[in-house]
Amino acid sequence: MSRFARPSSLDHALQDLLTRQGLDEGLNRFAALNRAWLQAAGSSWQYHSWVLGWREEELEVAVTSPAAATRLRFEAEAIRQRLNRQGWQGIQRIRTRVQPGLATDEASRGRRYSR
């Protein structure tokens, strides 16, 4: 695509921008890590956790509640081993960060008060 060519869609324009800035490889790797996380963690974690990042040997995962963080600490070693078998051998630790404001089901679980 030339510098002044008109993109055919927003998707193509964003992909072109990411490629020119050298960011496409990192974003593709991050998307692959998210897919691997969901596969390794299982469907029970689908709405309660997501990958925030990976630095050196530590995978940082956001969870929706302190209870989910506690549960993940118990399951982390088994999930880490499944990630290693999927090709993510560099992950040695999984760190959790509670981010309840970003939960998808928080609004539906709010308290209801009578008038």
PDB file of N, CA and C in Angstrom:
ATOM      1  N   MET A   1       0.852  -1.166   0.000  1.00  0.00           N
ATOM      2  CA  MET A   1       0.000   0.000   0.000  1.00  0.00           C
ATOM      3  C   MET A   1       0.900   1.231   0.000  1.00  0.00           C
ATOM      4  N   SER A   2       0.629   2.121  -0.917  1.00  0.00           N
ATOM      5  CA  SER A   2       1.445   3.325  -0.969  1.00  0.00           C
ATOM      6  C   SER A   2       1.083   4.247   0.184  1.00  0.00           C
ATOM      7  N   ARG A   3       1.911   5.211   0.390  1.00  0.00           N
ATOM      8  CA  ARG A   3       1.743   6.101   1.530  1.00  0.00           C
ATOM      9  C   ARG A   3       0.438   6.880   1.483  1.00  0.00           C
ATOM     10  N   PHE A   4      -0.024   7.232   0.296  1.00  0.00           N
ATOM     11  CA  PHE A   4      -1.230   8.036   0.161  1.00  0.00           C
ATOM     12  C   PHE A   4      -2.418   7.245  -0.370  1.00  0.00           C
ATOM     13  N   ALA A   5      -2.297   5.944  -0.434  1.00  0.00           N
ATOM     14  CA  ALA A   5      -3.408   5.133  -0.926  1.00  0.00           C
ATOM     15  C   ALA A   5      -4.549   5.145   0.088  1.00  0.00           C
ATOM     16  N   ARG A   6      -5.729   5.112  -0.412  1.00  0.00           N
ATOM     17  CA  ARG A   6      -6.910   5.125   0.449  1.00  0.00           C
ATOM     18  C   ARG A   6      -7.217   3.695   0.889  1.00  0.00           C
ATOM     19  N   PRO A   7      -7.303   3.439   2.185  1.00  0.00           N
ATOM     20  CA  PRO A   7      -7.586   2.074   2.650  1.00  0.00           C
ATOM     21  C   PRO A   7      -9.016   1.670   2.310  1.00  0.00           C
ATOM     22  N   SER A   8      -9.207   0.384   2.084  1.00  0.00           N
ATOM     23  CA  SER A   8     -10.535  -0.099   1.709  1.00  0.00           C
ATOM     24  C   SER A   8     -11.445  -0.256   2.924  1.00  0.00           C
ATOM     25  N   SER A   9     -10.885  -0.361   4.107  1.00  0.00           N
ATOM     26  CA  SER A   9     -11.708  -0.475   5.311  1.00  0.00           C
ATOM     27  C   SER A   9     -10.887  -0.026   6.518  1.00  0.00           C
ATOM     28  N   LEU A  10     -11.592   0.187   7.596  1.00  0.00           N
ATOM     29  CA  LEU A  10     -10.913   0.562   8.840  1.00  0.00           C
ATOM     30  C   LEU A  10      -9.952  -0.521   9.285  1.00  0.00           C
ATOM     31  N   ASP A  11     -10.348  -1.777   9.121  1.00  0.00           N
ATOM     32  CA  ASP A  11      -9.488  -2.900   9.483  1.00  0.00           C
ATOM     33  C   ASP A  11      -8.159  -2.841   8.731  1.00  0.00           C
ATOM     34  N   HIS A  12      -8.217  -2.589   7.430  1.00  0.00           N
ATOM     35  CA  HIS A  12      -6.997  -2.501   6.633  1.00  0.00           C
ATOM     36  C   HIS A  12      -6.158  -1.289   7.038  1.00  0.00           C
ATOM     37  N   ALA A  13      -6.825  -0.190   7.351  1.00  0.00           N
ATOM     38  CA  ALA A  13      -6.096   1.010   7.761  1.00  0.00           C
ATOM     39  C   ALA A  13      -5.358   0.773   9.072  1.00  0.00           C
ATOM     40  N   LEU A  14      -6.031   0.138  10.035  1.00  0.00           N
ATOM     41  CA  LEU A  14      -5.379  -0.151  11.319  1.00  0.00           C
ATOM     42  C   LEU A  14      -4.234  -1.142  11.144  1.00  0.00           C
ATOM     43  N   GLN A  15      -4.456  -2.176  10.344  1.00  0.00           N
ATOM     44  CA  GLN A  15      -3.398  -3.165  10.115  1.00  0.00           C
ATOM     45  C   GLN A  15      -2.189  -2.514   9.455  1.00  0.00           C
ATOM     46  N   ASP A  16      -2.434  -1.640   8.500  1.00  0.00           N
ATOM     47  CA  ASP A  16      -1.346  -0.926   7.829  1.00  0.00           C
ATOM     48  C   ASP A  16      -0.577  -0.048   8.819  1.00  0.00           C
ATOM     49  N   LEU A  17      -1.301   0.670   9.658  1.00  0.00           N
ATOM     50  CA  LEU A  17      -0.662   1.524  10.664  1.00  0.00           C
ATOM     51  C   LEU A  17       0.179   0.702  11.633  1.00  0.00           C
ATOM     52  N   LEU A  18      -0.372  -0.401  12.133  1.00  0.00           N
ATOM     53  CA  LEU A  18       0.374  -1.251  13.061  1.00  0.00           C
ATOM     54  C   LEU A  18       1.623  -1.827  12.406  1.00  0.00           C
ATOM     55  N   THR A  19       1.503  -2.224  11.162  1.00  0.00           N
ATOM     56  CA  THR A  19       2.653  -2.778  10.444  1.00  0.00           C
ATOM     57  C   THR A  19       3.738  -1.729  10.263  1.00  0.00           C
ATOM     58  N   ARG A  20       3.341  -0.526   9.862  1.00  0.00           N
ATOM     59  CA  ARG A  20       4.327   0.540   9.665  1.00  0.00           C
ATOM     60  C   ARG A  20       5.007   0.938  10.971  1.00  0.00           C
ATOM     61  N   GLN A  21       4.297   0.844  12.087  1.00  0.00           N
ATOM     62  CA  GLN A  21       4.876   1.203  13.389  1.00  0.00           C
ATOM     63  C   GLN A  21       5.633   0.028  14.022  1.00  0.00           C
ATOM     64  N   GLY A  22       5.553  -1.153  13.413  1.00  0.00           N
ATOM     65  CA  GLY A  22       6.253  -2.315  13.941  1.00  0.00           C
ATOM     66  C   GLY A  22       5.561  -2.942  15.139  1.00  0.00           C
ATOM     67  N   LEU A  23       4.279  -2.723  15.286  1.00  0.00           N
ATOM     68  CA  LEU A  23       3.542  -3.231  16.447  1.00  0.00           C
ATOM     69  C   LEU A  23       2.734  -4.481  16.155  1.00  0.00           C
ATOM     70  N   ASP A  24       2.604  -4.852  14.898  1.00  0.00           N
ATOM     71  CA  ASP A  24       1.728  -5.963  14.550  1.00  0.00           C
ATOM     72  C   ASP A  24       2.193  -7.294  15.134  1.00  0.00           C
ATOM     73  N   GLU A  25       3.491  -7.546  15.169  1.00  0.00           N
ATOM     74  CA  GLU A  25       3.995  -8.811  15.697  1.00  0.00           C
ATOM     75  C   GLU A  25       3.695  -8.955  17.185  1.00  0.00           C
ATOM     76  N   GLY A  26       3.900  -7.880  17.954  1.00  0.00           N
ATOM     77  CA  GLY A  26       3.617  -7.930  19.388  1.00  0.00           C
ATOM     78  C   GLY A  26       2.144  -8.129  19.683  1.00  0.00           C
ATOM     79  N   LEU A  27       1.278  -7.459  18.915  1.00  0.00           N
ATOM     80  CA  LEU A  27      -0.161  -7.621  19.125  1.00  0.00           C
ATOM     81  C   LEU A  27      -0.625  -9.012  18.718  1.00  0.00           C
ATOM     82  N   ASN A  28      -0.063  -9.558  17.670  1.00  0.00           N
ATOM     83  CA  ASN A  28      -0.413 -10.926  17.269  1.00  0.00           C
ATOM     84  C   ASN A  28       0.003 -11.926  18.340  1.00  0.00           C
ATOM     85  N   ARG A  29       1.182 -11.702  18.923  1.00  0.00           N
ATOM     86  CA  ARG A  29       1.657 -12.599  19.985  1.00  0.00           C
ATOM     87  C   ARG A  29       0.776 -12.467  21.230  1.00  0.00           C
ATOM     88  N   PHE A  30       0.348 -11.256  21.557  1.00  0.00           N
ATOM     89  CA  PHE A  30      -0.528 -11.038  22.701  1.00  0.00           C
ATOM     90  C   PHE A  30      -1.890 -11.712  22.479  1.00  0.00           C
ATOM     91  N   ALA A  31      -2.422 -11.603  21.271  1.00  0.00           N
ATOM     92  CA  ALA A  31      -3.700 -12.259  20.945  1.00  0.00           C
ATOM     93  C   ALA A  31      -3.553 -13.780  21.043  1.00  0.00           C
ATOM     94  N   ALA A  32      -2.417 -14.311  20.583  1.00  0.00           N
ATOM     95  CA  ALA A  32      -2.181 -15.753  20.686  1.00  0.00           C
ATOM     96  C   ALA A  32      -2.080 -16.180  22.145  1.00  0.00           C
ATOM     97  N   LEU A  33      -1.448 -15.352  22.987  1.00  0.00           N
ATOM     98  CA  LEU A  33      -1.345 -15.667  24.410  1.00  0.00           C
ATOM     99  C   LEU A  33      -2.723 -15.659  25.065  1.00  0.00           C
ATOM    100  N   ASN A  34      -3.581 -14.722  24.696  1.00  0.00           N
ATOM    101  CA  ASN A  34      -4.945 -14.695  25.223  1.00  0.00           C
ATOM    102  C   ASN A  34      -5.711 -15.949  24.840  1.00  0.00           C
ATOM    103  N   ARG A  35      -5.574 -16.382  23.596  1.00  0.00           N
ATOM    104  CA  ARG A  35      -6.245 -17.615  23.152  1.00  0.00           C
ATOM    105  C   ARG A  35      -5.698 -18.815  23.913  1.00  0.00           C
ATOM    106  N   ALA A  36      -4.384 -18.856  24.099  1.00  0.00           N
ATOM    107  CA  ALA A  36      -3.775 -19.967  24.844  1.00  0.00           C
ATOM    108  C   ALA A  36      -4.250 -19.967  26.293  1.00  0.00           C
ATOM    109  N   TRP A  37      -4.375 -18.775  26.894  1.00  0.00           N
ATOM    110  CA  TRP A  37      -4.859 -18.677  28.274  1.00  0.00           C
ATOM    111  C   TRP A  37      -6.267 -19.273  28.395  1.00  0.00           C
ATOM    112  N   LEU A  38      -7.157 -18.865  27.500  1.00  0.00           N
ATOM    113  CA  LEU A  38      -8.529 -19.363  27.564  1.00  0.00           C
ATOM    114  C   LEU A  38      -8.592 -20.871  27.370  1.00  0.00           C
ATOM    115  N   GLN A  39      -7.749 -21.386  26.513  1.00  0.00           N
ATOM    116  CA  GLN A  39      -7.723 -22.829  26.295  1.00  0.00           C
ATOM    117  C   GLN A  39      -7.143 -23.551  27.508  1.00  0.00           C
ATOM    118  N   ALA A  40      -6.067 -23.035  28.075  1.00  0.00           N
ATOM    119  CA  ALA A  40      -5.418 -23.689  29.219  1.00  0.00           C
ATOM    120  C   ALA A  40      -6.244 -23.559  30.489  1.00  0.00           C
ATOM    121  N   ALA A  41      -6.859 -22.392  30.693  1.00  0.00           N
ATOM    122  CA  ALA A  41      -7.618 -22.160  31.917  1.00  0.00           C
ATOM    123  C   ALA A  41      -8.976 -22.843  31.875  1.00  0.00           C
ATOM    124  N   GLY A  42      -9.554 -22.951  30.712  1.00  0.00           N
ATOM    125  CA  GLY A  42     -10.840 -23.607  30.587  1.00  0.00           C
ATOM    126  C   GLY A  42     -11.993 -22.617  30.531  1.00  0.00           C
ATOM    127  N   SER A  43     -13.151 -23.123  30.166  1.00  0.00           N
ATOM    128  CA  SER A  43     -14.315 -22.263  29.954  1.00  0.00           C
ATOM    129  C   SER A  43     -14.825 -21.632  31.248  1.00  0.00           C
ATOM    130  N   SER A  44     -14.528 -22.220  32.401  1.00  0.00           N
ATOM    131  CA  SER A  44     -14.998 -21.638  33.658  1.00  0.00           C
ATOM    132  C   SER A  44     -14.337 -20.289  33.946  1.00  0.00           C
ATOM    133  N   TRP A  45     -13.207 -20.024  33.310  1.00  0.00           N
ATOM    134  CA  TRP A  45     -12.502 -18.755  33.506  1.00  0.00           C
ATOM    135  C   TRP A  45     -12.805 -17.736  32.419  1.00  0.00           C
ATOM    136  N   GLN A  46     -13.575 -18.101  31.428  1.00  0.00           N
ATOM    137  CA  GLN A  46     -13.782 -17.255  30.254  1.00  0.00           C
ATOM    138  C   GLN A  46     -14.274 -15.851  30.600  1.00  0.00           C
ATOM    139  N   TYR A  47     -15.205 -15.733  31.532  1.00  0.00           N
ATOM    140  CA  TYR A  47     -15.761 -14.419  31.865  1.00  0.00           C
ATOM    141  C   TYR A  47     -15.176 -13.826  33.134  1.00  0.00           C
ATOM    142  N   HIS A  48     -14.229 -14.525  33.740  1.00  0.00           N
ATOM    143  CA  HIS A  48     -13.703 -14.075  35.024  1.00  0.00           C
ATOM    144  C   HIS A  48     -12.218 -13.744  35.000  1.00  0.00           C
ATOM    145  N   SER A  49     -11.562 -13.899  33.855  1.00  0.00           N
ATOM    146  CA  SER A  49     -10.125 -13.613  33.791  1.00  0.00           C
ATOM    147  C   SER A  49      -9.714 -13.265  32.369  1.00  0.00           C
ATOM    148  N   TRP A  50      -8.631 -12.511  32.278  1.00  0.00           N
ATOM    149  CA  TRP A  50      -8.049 -12.168  30.984  1.00  0.00           C
ATOM    150  C   TRP A  50      -6.591 -11.789  31.205  1.00  0.00           C
ATOM    151  N   VAL A  51      -5.798 -11.958  30.180  1.00  0.00           N
ATOM    152  CA  VAL A  51      -4.367 -11.684  30.257  1.00  0.00           C
ATOM    153  C   VAL A  51      -4.131 -10.183  30.173  1.00  0.00           C
ATOM    154  N   LEU A  52      -3.332  -9.679  31.107  1.00  0.00           N
ATOM    155  CA  LEU A  52      -2.923  -8.270  31.079  1.00  0.00           C
ATOM    156  C   LEU A  52      -1.580  -8.100  30.390  1.00  0.00           C
ATOM    157  N   GLY A  53      -0.674  -9.050  30.600  1.00  0.00           N
ATOM    158  CA  GLY A  53       0.638  -8.946  29.988  1.00  0.00           C
ATOM    159  C   GLY A  53       1.558 -10.062  30.418  1.00  0.00           C
ATOM    160  N   TRP A  54       2.710 -10.077  29.785  1.00  0.00           N
ATOM    161  CA  TRP A  54       3.710 -11.093  30.080  1.00  0.00           C
ATOM    162  C   TRP A  54       5.065 -10.419  30.049  1.00  0.00           C
ATOM    163  N   ARG A  55       5.759 -10.455  31.167  1.00  0.00           N
ATOM    164  CA  ARG A  55       7.085  -9.862  31.262  1.00  0.00           C
ATOM    165  C   ARG A  55       8.032 -10.904  31.836  1.00  0.00           C
ATOM    166  N   GLU A  56       9.081 -11.179  31.091  1.00  0.00           N
ATOM    167  CA  GLU A  56      10.085 -12.169  31.451  1.00  0.00           C
ATOM    168  C   GLU A  56       9.426 -13.506  31.751  1.00  0.00           C
ATOM    169  N   GLU A  57       9.421 -13.960  33.002  1.00  0.00           N
ATOM    170  CA  GLU A  57       8.871 -15.278  33.339  1.00  0.00           C
ATOM    171  C   GLU A  57       7.504 -15.197  33.997  1.00  0.00           C
ATOM    172  N   GLU A  58       6.902 -14.015  34.048  1.00  0.00           N
ATOM    173  CA  GLU A  58       5.672 -13.842  34.810  1.00  0.00           C
ATOM    174  C   GLU A  58       4.512 -13.427  33.908  1.00  0.00           C
ATOM    175  N   LEU A  59       3.433 -14.174  34.007  1.00  0.00           N
ATOM    176  CA  LEU A  59       2.202 -13.852  33.297  1.00  0.00           C
ATOM    177  C   LEU A  59       1.284 -13.129  34.266  1.00  0.00           C
ATOM    178  N   GLU A  60       0.789 -11.961  33.879  1.00  0.00           N
ATOM    179  CA  GLU A  60      -0.120 -11.205  34.734  1.00  0.00           C
ATOM    180  C   GLU A  60      -1.537 -11.360  34.192  1.00  0.00           C
ATOM    181  N   VAL A  61      -2.429 -11.814  35.078  1.00  0.00           N
ATOM    182  CA  VAL A  61      -3.801 -12.100  34.696  1.00  0.00           C
ATOM    183  C   VAL A  61      -4.745 -11.292  35.575  1.00  0.00           C
ATOM    184  N   ALA A  62      -5.713 -10.628  34.957  1.00  0.00           N
ATOM    185  CA  ALA A  62      -6.741  -9.899  35.704  1.00  0.00           C
ATOM    186  C   ALA A  62      -7.889 -10.855  35.999  1.00  0.00           C
ATOM    187  N   VAL A  63      -8.472 -10.698  37.175  1.00  0.00           N
ATOM    188  CA  VAL A  63      -9.637 -11.479  37.566  1.00  0.00           C
ATOM    189  C   VAL A  63     -10.711 -10.523  38.074  1.00  0.00           C
ATOM    190  N   THR A  64     -11.948 -10.992  38.119  1.00  0.00           N
ATOM    191  CA  THR A  64     -13.071 -10.126  38.423  1.00  0.00           C
ATOM    192  C   THR A  64     -13.359  -9.946  39.905  1.00  0.00           C
ATOM    193  N   SER A  65     -12.762 -10.771  40.766  1.00  0.00           N
ATOM    194  CA  SER A  65     -13.076 -10.663  42.192  1.00  0.00           C
ATOM    195  C   SER A  65     -11.938 -11.245  43.025  1.00  0.00           C
ATOM    196  N   PRO A  66     -11.895 -10.882  44.299  1.00  0.00           N
ATOM    197  CA  PRO A  66     -10.907 -11.496  45.185  1.00  0.00           C
ATOM    198  C   PRO A  66     -11.097 -13.013  45.290  1.00  0.00           C
ATOM    199  N   ALA A  67     -12.339 -13.466  45.240  1.00  0.00           N
ATOM    200  CA  ALA A  67     -12.585 -14.912  45.290  1.00  0.00           C
ATOM    201  C   ALA A  67     -11.968 -15.605  44.077  1.00  0.00           C
ATOM    202  N   ALA A  68     -12.098 -14.976  42.900  1.00  0.00           N
ATOM    203  CA  ALA A  68     -11.495 -15.546  41.693  1.00  0.00           C
ATOM    204  C   ALA A  68      -9.974 -15.539  41.797  1.00  0.00           C
ATOM    205  N   ALA A  69      -9.407 -14.511  42.421  1.00  0.00           N
ATOM    206  CA  ALA A  69      -7.955 -14.444  42.602  1.00  0.00           C
ATOM    207  C   ALA A  69      -7.479 -15.590  43.486  1.00  0.00           C
ATOM    208  N   THR A  70      -8.204 -15.857  44.540  1.00  0.00           N
ATOM    209  CA  THR A  70      -7.846 -16.965  45.443  1.00  0.00           C
ATOM    210  C   THR A  70      -7.947 -18.288  44.703  1.00  0.00           C
ATOM    211  N   ARG A  71      -9.030 -18.472  43.969  1.00  0.00           N
ATOM    212  CA  ARG A  71      -9.206 -19.708  43.200  1.00  0.00           C
ATOM    213  C   ARG A  71      -8.086 -19.885  42.183  1.00  0.00           C
ATOM    214  N   LEU A  72      -7.709 -18.789  41.523  1.00  0.00           N
ATOM    215  CA  LEU A  72      -6.646 -18.875  40.519  1.00  0.00           C
ATOM    216  C   LEU A  72      -5.304 -19.229  41.156  1.00  0.00           C
ATOM    217  N   ARG A  73      -5.049 -18.729  42.345  1.00  0.00           N
ATOM    218  CA  ARG A  73      -3.795 -19.084  43.011  1.00  0.00           C
ATOM    219  C   ARG A  73      -3.693 -20.601  43.237  1.00  0.00           C
ATOM    220  N   PHE A  74      -4.827 -21.246  43.531  1.00  0.00           N
ATOM    221  CA  PHE A  74      -4.824 -22.698  43.709  1.00  0.00           C
ATOM    222  C   PHE A  74      -4.679 -23.436  42.386  1.00  0.00           C
ATOM    223  N   GLU A  75      -5.214 -22.878  41.304  1.00  0.00           N
ATOM    224  CA  GLU A  75      -5.193 -23.542  40.002  1.00  0.00           C
ATOM    225  C   GLU A  75      -4.029 -23.113  39.117  1.00  0.00           C
ATOM    226  N   ALA A  76      -3.267 -22.123  39.536  1.00  0.00           N
ATOM    227  CA  ALA A  76      -2.240 -21.509  38.685  1.00  0.00           C
ATOM    228  C   ALA A  76      -1.190 -22.498  38.200  1.00  0.00           C
ATOM    229  N   GLU A  77      -0.729 -23.374  39.050  1.00  0.00           N
ATOM    230  CA  GLU A  77       0.339 -24.300  38.652  1.00  0.00           C
ATOM    231  C   GLU A  77      -0.132 -25.236  37.543  1.00  0.00           C
ATOM    232  N   ALA A  78      -1.334 -25.757  37.652  1.00  0.00           N
ATOM    233  CA  ALA A  78      -1.857 -26.651  36.613  1.00  0.00           C
ATOM    234  C   ALA A  78      -2.057 -25.885  35.305  1.00  0.00           C
ATOM    235  N   ILE A  79      -2.562 -24.661  35.388  1.00  0.00           N
ATOM    236  CA  ILE A  79      -2.759 -23.843  34.183  1.00  0.00           C
ATOM    237  C   ILE A  79      -1.412 -23.499  33.559  1.00  0.00           C
ATOM    238  N   ARG A  80      -0.421 -23.158  34.399  1.00  0.00           N
ATOM    239  CA  ARG A  80       0.917 -22.837  33.897  1.00  0.00           C
ATOM    240  C   ARG A  80       1.509 -24.027  33.148  1.00  0.00           C
ATOM    241  N   GLN A  81       1.335 -25.229  33.681  1.00  0.00           N
ATOM    242  CA  GLN A  81       1.849 -26.425  33.012  1.00  0.00           C
ATOM    243  C   GLN A  81       1.159 -26.649  31.663  1.00  0.00           C
ATOM    244  N   ARG A  82      -0.149 -26.397  31.609  1.00  0.00           N
ATOM    245  CA  ARG A  82      -0.857 -26.528  30.322  1.00  0.00           C
ATOM    246  C   ARG A  82      -0.366 -25.484  29.326  1.00  0.00           C
ATOM    247  N   LEU A  83      -0.107 -24.260  29.798  1.00  0.00           N
ATOM    248  CA  LEU A  83       0.453 -23.232  28.909  1.00  0.00           C
ATOM    249  C   LEU A  83       1.824 -23.652  28.398  1.00  0.00           C
ATOM    250  N   ASN A  84       2.651 -24.217  29.265  1.00  0.00           N
ATOM    251  CA  ASN A  84       3.975 -24.682  28.852  1.00  0.00           C
ATOM    252  C   ASN A  84       3.857 -25.749  27.774  1.00  0.00           C
ATOM    253  N   ARG A  85       2.900 -26.656  27.918  1.00  0.00           N
ATOM    254  CA  ARG A  85       2.701 -27.705  26.906  1.00  0.00           C
ATOM    255  C   ARG A  85       2.200 -27.119  25.580  1.00  0.00           C
ATOM    256  N   GLN A  86       1.551 -25.963  25.632  1.00  0.00           N
ATOM    257  CA  GLN A  86       1.070 -25.311  24.406  1.00  0.00           C
ATOM    258  C   GLN A  86       2.176 -24.515  23.710  1.00  0.00           C
ATOM    259  N   GLY A  87       3.347 -24.449  24.304  1.00  0.00           N
ATOM    260  CA  GLY A  87       4.460 -23.743  23.668  1.00  0.00           C
ATOM    261  C   GLY A  87       4.876 -22.470  24.372  1.00  0.00           C
ATOM    262  N   TRP A  88       4.291 -22.153  25.510  1.00  0.00           N
ATOM    263  CA  TRP A  88       4.644 -20.956  26.268  1.00  0.00           C
ATOM    264  C   TRP A  88       5.531 -21.354  27.441  1.00  0.00           C
ATOM    265  N   GLN A  89       6.703 -21.953  27.132  1.00  0.00           N
ATOM    266  CA  GLN A  89       7.606 -22.471  28.150  1.00  0.00           C
ATOM    267  C   GLN A  89       8.209 -21.408  29.041  1.00  0.00           C
ATOM    268  N   GLY A  90       8.254 -20.180  28.606  1.00  0.00           N
ATOM    269  CA  GLY A  90       8.885 -19.131  29.387  1.00  0.00           C
ATOM    270  C   GLY A  90       8.100 -18.708  30.617  1.00  0.00           C
ATOM    271  N   ILE A  91       6.839 -19.092  30.707  1.00  0.00           N
ATOM    272  CA  ILE A  91       6.007 -18.680  31.847  1.00  0.00           C
ATOM    273  C   ILE A  91       6.325 -19.556  33.050  1.00  0.00           C
ATOM    274  N   GLN A  92       6.815 -18.924  34.109  1.00  0.00           N
ATOM    275  CA  GLN A  92       7.155 -19.652  35.331  1.00  0.00           C
ATOM    276  C   GLN A  92       6.221 -19.311  36.488  1.00  0.00           C
ATOM    277  N   ARG A  93       5.576 -18.140  36.427  1.00  0.00           N
ATOM    278  CA  ARG A  93       4.669 -17.705  37.495  1.00  0.00           C
ATOM    279  C   ARG A  93       3.450 -17.032  36.874  1.00  0.00           C
ATOM    280  N   ILE A  94       2.337 -17.141  37.578  1.00  0.00           N
ATOM    281  CA  ILE A  94       1.123 -16.427  37.188  1.00  0.00           C
ATOM    282  C   ILE A  94       0.748 -15.514  38.343  1.00  0.00           C
ATOM    283  N   ARG A  95       0.691 -14.224  38.068  1.00  0.00           N
ATOM    284  CA  ARG A  95       0.329 -13.234  39.085  1.00  0.00           C
ATOM    285  C   ARG A  95      -1.068 -12.717  38.777  1.00  0.00           C
ATOM    286  N   THR A  96      -1.877 -12.559  39.807  1.00  0.00           N
ATOM    287  CA  THR A  96      -3.241 -12.086  39.604  1.00  0.00           C
ATOM    288  C   THR A  96      -3.376 -10.630  40.017  1.00  0.00           C
ATOM    289  N   ARG A  97      -4.300  -9.962  39.363  1.00  0.00           N
ATOM    290  CA  ARG A  97      -4.652  -8.590  39.712  1.00  0.00           C
ATOM    291  C   ARG A  97      -6.178  -8.490  39.654  1.00  0.00           C
ATOM    292  N   VAL A  98      -6.777  -8.089  40.754  1.00  0.00           N
ATOM    293  CA  VAL A  98      -8.228  -7.973  40.814  1.00  0.00           C
ATOM    294  C   VAL A  98      -8.651  -6.666  40.160  1.00  0.00           C
ATOM    295  N   GLN A  99      -9.567  -6.767  39.195  1.00  0.00           N
ATOM    296  CA  GLN A  99     -10.115  -5.601  38.505  1.00  0.00           C
ATOM    297  C   GLN A  99     -11.629  -5.761  38.402  1.00  0.00           C
ATOM    298  N   PRO A 100     -12.336  -5.582  39.510  1.00  0.00           N
ATOM    299  CA  PRO A 100     -13.776  -5.842  39.511  1.00  0.00           C
ATOM    300  C   PRO A 100     -14.584  -4.895  38.649  1.00  0.00           C
ATOM    301  N   GLY A 101     -14.117  -3.703  38.417  1.00  0.00           N
ATOM    302  CA  GLY A 101     -14.865  -2.745  37.616  1.00  0.00           C
ATOM    303  C   GLY A 101     -14.992  -3.153  36.170  1.00  0.00           C
ATOM    304  N   LEU A 102     -14.166  -4.063  35.701  1.00  0.00           N
ATOM    305  CA  LEU A 102     -14.186  -4.477  34.306  1.00  0.00           C
ATOM    306  C   LEU A 102     -14.955  -5.764  34.079  1.00  0.00           C
ATOM    307  N   ALA A 103     -15.572  -6.310  35.114  1.00  0.00           N
ATOM    308  CA  ALA A 103     -16.302  -7.563  34.978  1.00  0.00           C
ATOM    309  C   ALA A 103     -17.498  -7.384  34.063  1.00  0.00           C
ATOM    310  N   THR A 104     -17.763  -8.362  33.227  1.00  0.00           N
ATOM    311  CA  THR A 104     -18.864  -8.252  32.279  1.00  0.00           C
ATOM    312  C   THR A 104     -20.213  -8.471  32.935  1.00  0.00           C
ATOM    313  N   ASP A 105     -20.260  -9.202  34.030  1.00  0.00           N
ATOM    314  CA  ASP A 105     -21.542  -9.500  34.648  1.00  0.00           C
ATOM    315  C   ASP A 105     -21.788  -8.697  35.919  1.00  0.00           C
ATOM    316  N   GLU A 106     -20.960  -7.731  36.218  1.00  0.00           N
ATOM    317  CA  GLU A 106     -21.121  -6.947  37.443  1.00  0.00           C
ATOM    318  C   GLU A 106     -22.431  -6.164  37.456  1.00  0.00           C
ATOM    319  N   ALA A 107     -22.805  -5.596  36.335  1.00  0.00           N
ATOM    320  CA  ALA A 107     -24.017  -4.776  36.302  1.00  0.00           C
ATOM    321  C   ALA A 107     -25.260  -5.609  36.587  1.00  0.00           C
ATOM    322  N   SER A 108     -25.277  -6.831  36.122  1.00  0.00           N
ATOM    323  CA  SER A 108     -26.460  -7.655  36.320  1.00  0.00           C
ATOM    324  C   SER A 108     -26.548  -8.213  37.739  1.00  0.00           C
ATOM    325  N   ARG A 109     -25.451  -8.186  38.498  1.00  0.00           N
ATOM    326  CA  ARG A 109     -25.456  -8.747  39.842  1.00  0.00           C
ATOM    327  C   ARG A 109     -25.596  -7.669  40.914  1.00  0.00           C
ATOM    328  N   GLY A 110     -25.890  -6.457  40.528  1.00  0.00           N
ATOM    329  CA  GLY A 110     -25.978  -5.369  41.497  1.00  0.00           C
ATOM    330  C   GLY A 110     -27.101  -5.587  42.503  1.00  0.00           C
ATOM    331  N   ARG A 111     -26.984  -4.935  43.643  1.00  0.00           N
ATOM    332  CA  ARG A 111     -28.009  -5.059  44.677  1.00  0.00           C
ATOM    333  C   ARG A 111     -29.260  -4.315  44.263  1.00  0.00           C
ATOM    334  N   ARG A 112     -30.383  -4.846  44.685  1.00  0.00           N
ATOM    335  CA  ARG A 112     -31.662  -4.196  44.430  1.00  0.00           C
ATOM    336  C   ARG A 112     -32.302  -3.869  45.759  1.00  0.00           C
ATOM    337  N   TYR A 113     -32.755  -2.667  45.880  1.00  0.00           N
ATOM    338  CA  TYR A 113     -33.395  -2.203  47.099  1.00  0.00           C
ATOM    339  C   TYR A 113     -34.855  -1.885  46.814  1.00  0.00           C
ATOM    340  N   SER A 114     -35.702  -2.179  47.769  1.00  0.00           N
ATOM    341  CA  SER A 114     -37.121  -1.832  47.606  1.00  0.00           C
ATOM    342  C   SER A 114     -37.292  -0.334  47.823  1.00  0.00           C
ATOM    343  N   ARG A 115     -38.367   0.195  47.311  1.00  0.00           N
ATOM    344  CA  ARG A 115     -38.641   1.619  47.456  1.00  0.00           C
ATOM    345  C   ARG A 115     -39.044   1.898  48.866  1.00  0.00           C
TER     346      ARG A 115
END
